[in-house]
C-alpha atoms as a PDB file:
ATOM      1  CA  MET A   1       1.982  57.944 -21.529  1.00  0.00           C
ATOM      2  CA  PRO A   2       0.620  57.642 -17.950  1.00  0.00           C
ATOM      3  CA  THR A   3      -1.719  54.727 -17.329  1.00  0.00           C
ATOM      4  CA  ASP A   4      -3.286  56.216 -14.191  1.00  0.00           C
ATOM      5  CA  LEU A   5      -4.583  59.555 -12.945  1.00  0.00           C
ATOM      6  CA  SER A   6      -1.898  60.238 -10.348  1.00  0.00           C
ATOM      7  CA  ALA A   7      -0.421  63.243 -12.209  1.00  0.00           C
ATOM      8  CA  LYS A   8      -2.237  66.378 -11.050  1.00  0.00           C
ATOM      9  CA  PRO A   9      -1.752  68.994 -13.762  1.00  0.00           C
ATOM     10  CA  THR A  10      -2.556  72.664 -13.979  1.00  0.00           C
ATOM     11  CA  LEU A  11      -4.502  73.299 -17.180  1.00  0.00           C
ATOM     12  CA  VAL A  12      -4.682  76.876 -18.425  1.00  0.00           C
ATOM     13  CA  GLY A  13      -7.214  78.322 -20.846  1.00  0.00           C
ATOM     14  CA  GLU A  14      -8.163  81.830 -21.858  1.00  0.00           C
ATOM     15  CA  ARG A  15     -10.805  82.194 -19.138  1.00  0.00           C
ATOM     16  CA  ALA A  16     -10.325  79.242 -16.826  1.00  0.00           C
ATOM     17  CA  VAL A  17      -7.545  77.558 -14.892  1.00  0.00           C
ATOM     18  CA  LEU A  18      -7.901  74.004 -13.618  1.00  0.00           C
ATOM     19  CA  ARG A  19      -5.544  73.271 -10.734  1.00  0.00           C
ATOM     20  CA  PRO A  20      -5.098  71.044  -7.683  1.00  0.00           C
ATOM     21  CA  PHE A  21      -7.109  72.408  -4.782  1.00  0.00           C
ATOM     22  CA  THR A  22      -5.528  75.085  -2.605  1.00  0.00           C
ATOM     23  CA  PRO A  23      -6.902  75.916   0.875  1.00  0.00           C
ATOM     24  CA  ALA A  24      -8.674  78.970  -0.581  1.00  0.00           C
ATOM     25  CA  ASP A  25     -10.193  76.814  -3.333  1.00  0.00           C
ATOM     26  CA  ILE A  26     -11.547  74.380  -0.751  1.00  0.00           C
ATOM     27  CA  ASP A  27     -13.150  77.240   1.196  1.00  0.00           C
ATOM     28  CA  ALA A  28     -14.812  78.461  -2.001  1.00  0.00           C
ATOM     29  CA  MET A  29     -16.358  75.049  -2.671  1.00  0.00           C
ATOM     30  CA  GLY A  30     -18.773  75.414   0.270  1.00  0.00           C
ATOM     31  CA  PRO A  31     -21.102  77.870  -1.498  1.00  0.00           C
ATOM     32  CA  VAL A  32     -20.700  75.979  -4.792  1.00  0.00           C
ATOM     33  CA  LEU A  33     -21.860  72.676  -3.301  1.00  0.00           C
ATOM     34  CA  ALA A  34     -24.693  74.426  -1.449  1.00  0.00           C
ATOM     35  CA  ASP A  35     -26.032  76.208  -4.537  1.00  0.00           C
ATOM     36  CA  PRO A  36     -29.642  75.079  -5.193  1.00  0.00           C
ATOM     37  CA  ASP A  37     -29.101  74.789  -8.963  1.00  0.00           C
ATOM     38  CA  VAL A  38     -25.990  72.630  -8.494  1.00  0.00           C
ATOM     39  CA  ARG A  39     -27.881  70.355  -6.116  1.00  0.00           C
ATOM     40  CA  ARG A  40     -30.916  70.131  -8.400  1.00  0.00           C
ATOM     41  CA  LEU A  41     -29.149  69.636 -11.747  1.00  0.00           C
ATOM     42  CA  THR A  42     -26.758  66.986 -10.413  1.00  0.00           C
ATOM     43  CA  GLY A  43     -29.589  64.935  -8.920  1.00  0.00           C
ATOM     44  CA  SER A  44     -28.138  65.320  -5.418  1.00  0.00           C
ATOM     45  CA  VAL A  45     -31.591  66.037  -3.950  1.00  0.00           C
ATOM     46  CA  HIS A  46     -35.160  65.106  -4.784  1.00  0.00           C
ATOM     47  CA  THR A  47     -37.166  68.249  -3.994  1.00  0.00           C
ATOM     48  CA  THR A  48     -36.879  71.995  -4.469  1.00  0.00           C
ATOM     49  CA  ALA A  49     -37.067  72.381  -0.702  1.00  0.00           C
ATOM     50  CA  GLU A  50     -34.086  70.070  -0.186  1.00  0.00           C
ATOM     51  CA  ALA A  51     -32.118  71.971  -2.812  1.00  0.00           C
ATOM     52  CA  ALA A  52     -32.431  75.181  -0.781  1.00  0.00           C
ATOM     53  CA  GLU A  53     -31.439  73.671   2.580  1.00  0.00           C
ATOM     54  CA  ALA A  54     -27.659  73.186   2.286  1.00  0.00           C
ATOM     55  CA  ASP A  55     -25.128  74.877   4.579  1.00  0.00           C
ATOM     56  CA  PRO A  56     -22.590  76.906   2.528  1.00  0.00           C
ATOM     57  CA  HIS A  57     -19.848  76.011   5.013  1.00  0.00           C
ATOM     58  CA  LEU A  58     -18.029  72.729   4.448  1.00  0.00           C
ATOM     59  CA  ASP A  59     -18.146  70.169   7.228  1.00  0.00           C
ATOM     60  CA  GLU A  60     -14.856  68.693   8.373  1.00  0.00           C
ATOM     61  CA  PRO A  61     -15.182  65.315   6.562  1.00  0.00           C
ATOM     62  CA  THR A  62     -15.833  67.098   3.247  1.00  0.00           C
ATOM     63  CA  ARG A  63     -12.945  69.497   3.845  1.00  0.00           C
ATOM     64  CA  ARG A  64     -10.574  66.617   4.610  1.00  0.00           C
ATOM     65  CA  TRP A  65     -11.774  64.828   1.482  1.00  0.00           C
ATOM     66  CA  TYR A  66     -10.774  67.793  -0.695  1.00  0.00           C
ATOM     67  CA  GLU A  67      -7.439  68.036   1.122  1.00  0.00           C
ATOM     68  CA  THR A  68      -6.565  64.469   0.064  1.00  0.00           C
ATOM     69  CA  ARG A  69      -7.453  64.807  -3.643  1.00  0.00           C
ATOM     70  CA  ALA A  70      -3.824  65.362  -4.646  1.00  0.00           C
ATOM     71  CA  ASP A  71      -2.958  61.919  -3.225  1.00  0.00           C
ATOM     72  CA  ALA A  72      -5.587  59.966  -5.178  1.00  0.00           C
ATOM     73  CA  GLY A  73      -4.060  57.973  -8.019  1.00  0.00           C
ATOM     74  CA  ASP A  74      -7.336  56.575  -9.328  1.00  0.00           C
ATOM     75  CA  ARG A  75      -9.097  59.886 -10.047  1.00  0.00           C
ATOM     76  CA  LEU A  76      -8.440  63.508 -10.965  1.00  0.00           C
ATOM     77  CA  ASP A  77     -10.113  66.332  -9.043  1.00  0.00           C
ATOM     78  CA  LEU A  78      -9.259  69.903 -10.039  1.00  0.00           C
ATOM     79  CA  ALA A  79     -10.556  73.289  -8.911  1.00  0.00           C
ATOM     80  CA  LEU A  80     -12.187  75.344 -11.661  1.00  0.00           C
ATOM     81  CA  VAL A  81     -10.759  78.836 -11.230  1.00  0.00           C
ATOM     82  CA  ASP A  82     -11.861  82.047 -12.913  1.00  0.00           C
ATOM     83  CA  ARG A  83      -8.678  83.629 -14.318  1.00  0.00           C
ATOM     84  CA  ALA A  84     -10.172  87.102 -13.989  1.00  0.00           C
ATOM     85  CA  THR A  85     -10.532  86.830 -10.202  1.00  0.00           C
ATOM     86  CA  ASP A  86      -8.331  83.843  -9.267  1.00  0.00           C
ATOM     87  CA  ARG A  87     -11.363  82.498  -7.403  1.00  0.00           C
ATOM     88  CA  CYS A  88     -12.510  78.885  -7.434  1.00  0.00           C
ATOM     89  CA  VAL A  89     -16.014  78.741  -8.914  1.00  0.00           C
ATOM     90  CA  GLY A  90     -16.412  74.975  -9.233  1.00  0.00           C
ATOM     91  CA  GLU A  91     -14.648  71.692  -9.899  1.00  0.00           C
ATOM     92  CA  VAL A  92     -13.963  69.174 -12.654  1.00  0.00           C
ATOM     93  CA  VAL A  93     -13.518  65.483 -12.005  1.00  0.00           C
ATOM     94  CA  LEU A  94     -12.398  62.349 -13.802  1.00  0.00           C
ATOM     95  CA  ASN A  95     -13.495  59.392 -11.675  1.00  0.00           C
ATOM     96  CA  HIS A  96     -14.760  55.803 -11.803  1.00  0.00           C
ATOM     97  CA  TRP A  97     -11.531  54.947 -13.624  1.00  0.00           C
ATOM     98  CA  GLU A  98     -11.443  51.484 -15.211  1.00  0.00           C
ATOM     99  CA  PRO A  99      -7.776  50.887 -16.135  1.00  0.00           C
ATOM    100  CA  GLU A 100      -8.436  47.661 -18.021  1.00  0.00           C
ATOM    101  CA  ASN A 101     -10.953  49.451 -20.234  1.00  0.00           C
ATOM    102  CA  GLN A 102      -9.039  52.762 -20.402  1.00  0.00           C
ATOM    103  CA  SER A 103     -12.293  54.417 -19.393  1.00  0.00           C
ATOM    104  CA  CYS A 104     -13.519  56.905 -16.822  1.00  0.00           C
ATOM    105  CA  ASN A 105     -16.405  59.188 -15.921  1.00  0.00           C
ATOM    106  CA  PHE A 106     -16.442  62.986 -16.201  1.00  0.00           C
ATOM    107  CA  ARG A 107     -18.384  65.469 -14.126  1.00  0.00           C
ATOM    108  CA  ILE A 108     -18.283  69.221 -13.606  1.00  0.00           C
ATOM    109  CA  LEU A 109     -19.852  71.599 -11.099  1.00  0.00           C
ATOM    110  CA  VAL A 110     -20.047  75.340 -11.775  1.00  0.00           C
ATOM    111  CA  GLY A 111     -21.331  77.651  -9.045  1.00  0.00           C
ATOM    112  CA  PRO A 112     -23.158  80.968  -9.524  1.00  0.00           C
ATOM    113  CA  LEU A 113     -19.956  83.042  -9.788  1.00  0.00           C
ATOM    114  CA  GLY A 114     -18.750  80.989 -12.752  1.00  0.00           C
ATOM    115  CA  ARG A 115     -21.814  80.835 -14.946  1.00  0.00           C
ATOM    116  CA  ASP A 116     -22.678  82.463 -18.258  1.00  0.00           C
ATOM    117  CA  ARG A 117     -19.104  83.332 -19.235  1.00  0.00           C
ATOM    118  CA  GLY A 118     -17.905  80.174 -20.962  1.00  0.00           C
ATOM    119  CA  LEU A 119     -15.871  78.864 -18.033  1.00  0.00           C
ATOM    120  CA  GLY A 120     -17.629  75.493 -17.947  1.00  0.00           C
ATOM    121  CA  SER A 121     -17.302  75.039 -21.698  1.00  0.00           C
ATOM    122  CA  GLU A 122     -13.607  75.809 -21.644  1.00  0.00           C
ATOM    123  CA  ALA A 123     -13.013  73.625 -18.599  1.00  0.00           C
ATOM    124  CA  THR A 124     -14.696  70.685 -20.317  1.00  0.00           C
ATOM    125  CA  ARG A 125     -12.504  71.121 -23.398  1.00  0.00           C
ATOM    126  CA  LEU A 126      -9.362  71.389 -21.251  1.00  0.00           C
ATOM    127  CA  VAL A 127     -10.142  68.165 -19.406  1.00  0.00           C
ATOM    128  CA  LEU A 128     -10.824  66.227 -22.594  1.00  0.00           C
ATOM    129  CA  THR A 129      -7.617  67.561 -24.127  1.00  0.00           C
ATOM    130  CA  HIS A 130      -5.704  66.353 -21.081  1.00  0.00           C
ATOM    131  CA  ALA A 131      -7.475  62.986 -21.018  1.00  0.00           C
ATOM    132  CA  PHE A 132      -6.793  62.195 -24.671  1.00  0.00           C
ATOM    133  CA  THR A 133      -3.315  63.710 -25.070  1.00  0.00           C
ATOM    134  CA  ALA A 134      -1.662  63.218 -21.670  1.00  0.00           C
ATOM    135  CA  THR A 135      -3.121  59.889 -20.452  1.00  0.00           C
ATOM    136  CA  ASP A 136      -3.968  56.560 -22.072  1.00  0.00           C
ATOM    137  CA  LEU A 137      -7.723  57.062 -21.640  1.00  0.00           C
ATOM    138  CA  TYR A 138      -9.737  55.890 -24.632  1.00  0.00           C
ATOM    139  CA  ARG A 139     -13.245  56.619 -23.366  1.00  0.00           C
ATOM    140  CA  VAL A 140     -14.649  59.409 -21.175  1.00  0.00           C
ATOM    141  CA  GLU A 141     -18.343  59.140 -20.318  1.00  0.00           C
ATOM    142  CA  LEU A 142     -20.982  61.110 -18.429  1.00  0.00           C
ATOM    143  CA  GLY A 143     -24.665  61.322 -17.626  1.00  0.00           C
ATOM    144  CA  VAL A 144     -26.749  64.500 -17.842  1.00  0.00           C
ATOM    145  CA  TYR A 145     -30.365  64.877 -16.768  1.00  0.00           C
ATOM    146  CA  THR A 146     -32.880  66.173 -19.294  1.00  0.00           C
ATOM    147  CA  VAL A 147     -33.669  69.098 -16.971  1.00  0.00           C
ATOM    148  CA  ASN A 148     -30.195  70.422 -17.846  1.00  0.00           C
ATOM    149  CA  PRO A 149     -30.268  71.044 -21.633  1.00  0.00           C
ATOM    150  CA  ARG A 150     -27.627  73.775 -21.389  1.00  0.00           C
ATOM    151  CA  ALA A 151     -25.072  71.290 -20.038  1.00  0.00           C
ATOM    152  CA  ARG A 152     -25.933  68.759 -22.739  1.00  0.00           C
ATOM    153  CA  HIS A 153     -25.251  71.418 -25.383  1.00  0.00           C
ATOM    154  CA  VAL A 154     -21.864  72.186 -23.797  1.00  0.00           C
ATOM    155  CA  TYR A 155     -20.945  68.495 -23.775  1.00  0.00           C
ATOM    156  CA  GLU A 156     -21.974  68.002 -27.397  1.00  0.00           C
ATOM    157  CA  ARG A 157     -19.870  70.973 -28.508  1.00  0.00           C
ATOM    158  CA  ALA A 158     -16.892  69.557 -26.591  1.00  0.00           C
ATOM    159  CA  GLY A 159     -17.134  66.220 -28.428  1.00  0.00           C
ATOM    160  CA  PHE A 160     -19.434  64.022 -26.343  1.00  0.00           C
ATOM    161  CA  VAL A 161     -21.917  61.888 -28.295  1.00  0.00           C
ATOM    162  CA  VAL A 162     -25.271  60.624 -27.048  1.00  0.00           C
ATOM    163  CA  GLU A 163     -25.267  56.852 -26.562  1.00  0.00           C
ATOM    164  CA  GLY A 164     -28.569  56.202 -24.842  1.00  0.00           C
ATOM    165  CA  VAL A 165     -31.069  57.193 -22.176  1.00  0.00           C
ATOM    166  CA  ARG A 166     -31.679  55.917 -18.661  1.00  0.00           C
ATOM    167  CA  ARG A 167     -35.411  56.411 -18.539  1.00  0.00           C
ATOM    168  CA  ALA A 168     -36.987  57.749 -15.343  1.00  0.00           C
ATOM    169  CA  ALA A 169     -33.601  57.682 -13.624  1.00  0.00           C
ATOM    170  CA  LEU A 170     -34.380  60.483 -11.160  1.00  0.00           C
ATOM    171  CA  VAL A 171     -37.427  61.614  -9.235  1.00  0.00           C
ATOM    172  CA  PHE A 172     -37.527  65.365  -8.551  1.00  0.00           C
ATOM    173  CA  ASP A 173     -40.544  67.128  -7.063  1.00  0.00           C
ATOM    174  CA  GLY A 174     -42.571  64.030  -7.855  1.00  0.00           C
ATOM    175  CA  GLU A 175     -41.675  64.056 -11.556  1.00  0.00           C
ATOM    176  CA  ARG A 176     -39.592  61.345 -13.224  1.00  0.00           C
ATOM    177  CA  VAL A 177     -36.566  62.619 -15.133  1.00  0.00           C
ATOM    178  CA  ASP A 178     -34.507  60.821 -17.807  1.00  0.00           C
ATOM    179  CA  GLU A 179     -30.696  60.765 -17.798  1.00  0.00           C
ATOM    180  CA  VAL A 180     -28.908  61.050 -21.163  1.00  0.00           C
ATOM    181  CA  MET A 181     -25.737  58.980 -21.388  1.00  0.00           C
ATOM    182  CA  MET A 182     -22.895  60.446 -23.460  1.00  0.00           C
ATOM    183  CA  ALA A 183     -19.271  59.581 -24.203  1.00  0.00           C
ATOM    184  CA  ALA A 184     -16.225  60.846 -26.054  1.00  0.00           C
ATOM    185  CA  LEU A 185     -13.790  58.380 -27.624  1.00  0.00           C
ATOM    186  CA  ARG A 186     -10.143  59.160 -28.280  1.00  0.00           C
ATOM    187  CA  PRO A 187     -10.013  58.489 -32.077  1.00  0.00           C
ATOM    188  CA  GLN A 188     -13.107  60.513 -32.913  1.00  0.00           C
ATOM    189  CA  TRP A 189     -12.168  63.319 -30.529  1.00  0.00           C
ATOM    190  CA  LEU A 190      -8.622  63.597 -31.908  1.00  0.00           C
ATOM    191  CA  ALA A 191      -9.923  63.587 -35.470  1.00  0.00           C
ATOM    192  CA  ALA A 192     -12.338  66.424 -34.713  1.00  0.00           C
ATOM    193  CA  HIS A 193     -10.468  68.448 -32.098  1.00  0.00           C
ATOM    194  CA  GLY A 194      -6.858  67.314 -31.936  1.00  0.00           C
ATOM    195  CA  GLU A 195      -5.292  69.990 -34.100  1.00  0.00           C
ATOM    196  CA  ALA A 196      -7.241  72.762 -32.402  1.00  0.00           C
ATOM    197  CA  ALA A 197      -6.705  71.455 -28.851  1.00  0.00           C
ATOM    198  CA  SER A 198      -5.347  74.149 -26.582  1.00  0.00           C
ATOM    199  CA  GLY A 199      -4.343  74.417 -22.952  1.00  0.00           C
ATOM    200  CA  VAL A 200      -1.105  73.909 -21.085  1.00  0.00           C
ATOM    201  CA  SER A 201      -0.631  70.922 -18.819  1.00  0.00           C
ATOM    202  CA  ARG A 202       1.987  71.268 -16.141  1.00  0.00           C
ATOM    203  CA  PRO A 203       2.408  68.228 -13.865  1.00  0.00           C
ATOM    204  CA  ARG A 204       2.427  69.091 -10.207  1.00  0.00           C
END
């Protein structure tokens, strides 16, 4: 079983496909990253005004960064693609890999064209299935702000468990916001989801 994240699979679900970024996928990430809700819910900005200011066109450093994701052995970055349209509507990431601890972080961004149809939920399940059946990862963790209860519900349904709270971790529009820390562990996840795990992983 691989001990790093250098394999870049394509993971296929009923609604979503997770794949290494194509040029068209990279173009589509501009509006996703500029979406005010994405910027607000990820804690990327600190005011509503800032959230609305982003340029939907990627700058060259960001574009080059996406172009090199397939070469990164210490993280996994995949485009979240809507199967119905073959359009990239977001991304999923495993990063902050700690090989000695068999641990990493998970994050997901879903733009306006991918919301309210179960794409994020399925993408989260596909990534956890890959992490716990195709790599040696034992722990996958994340943080979600309390202003994003919908995401927390998705994570809980996928198998993440609340471990604690970083109190007043973010200031947004002058208000202090807590961050809920969650994690999924291989034994518990396999016991609860292993037999029902679906999705096809095809190494690149």
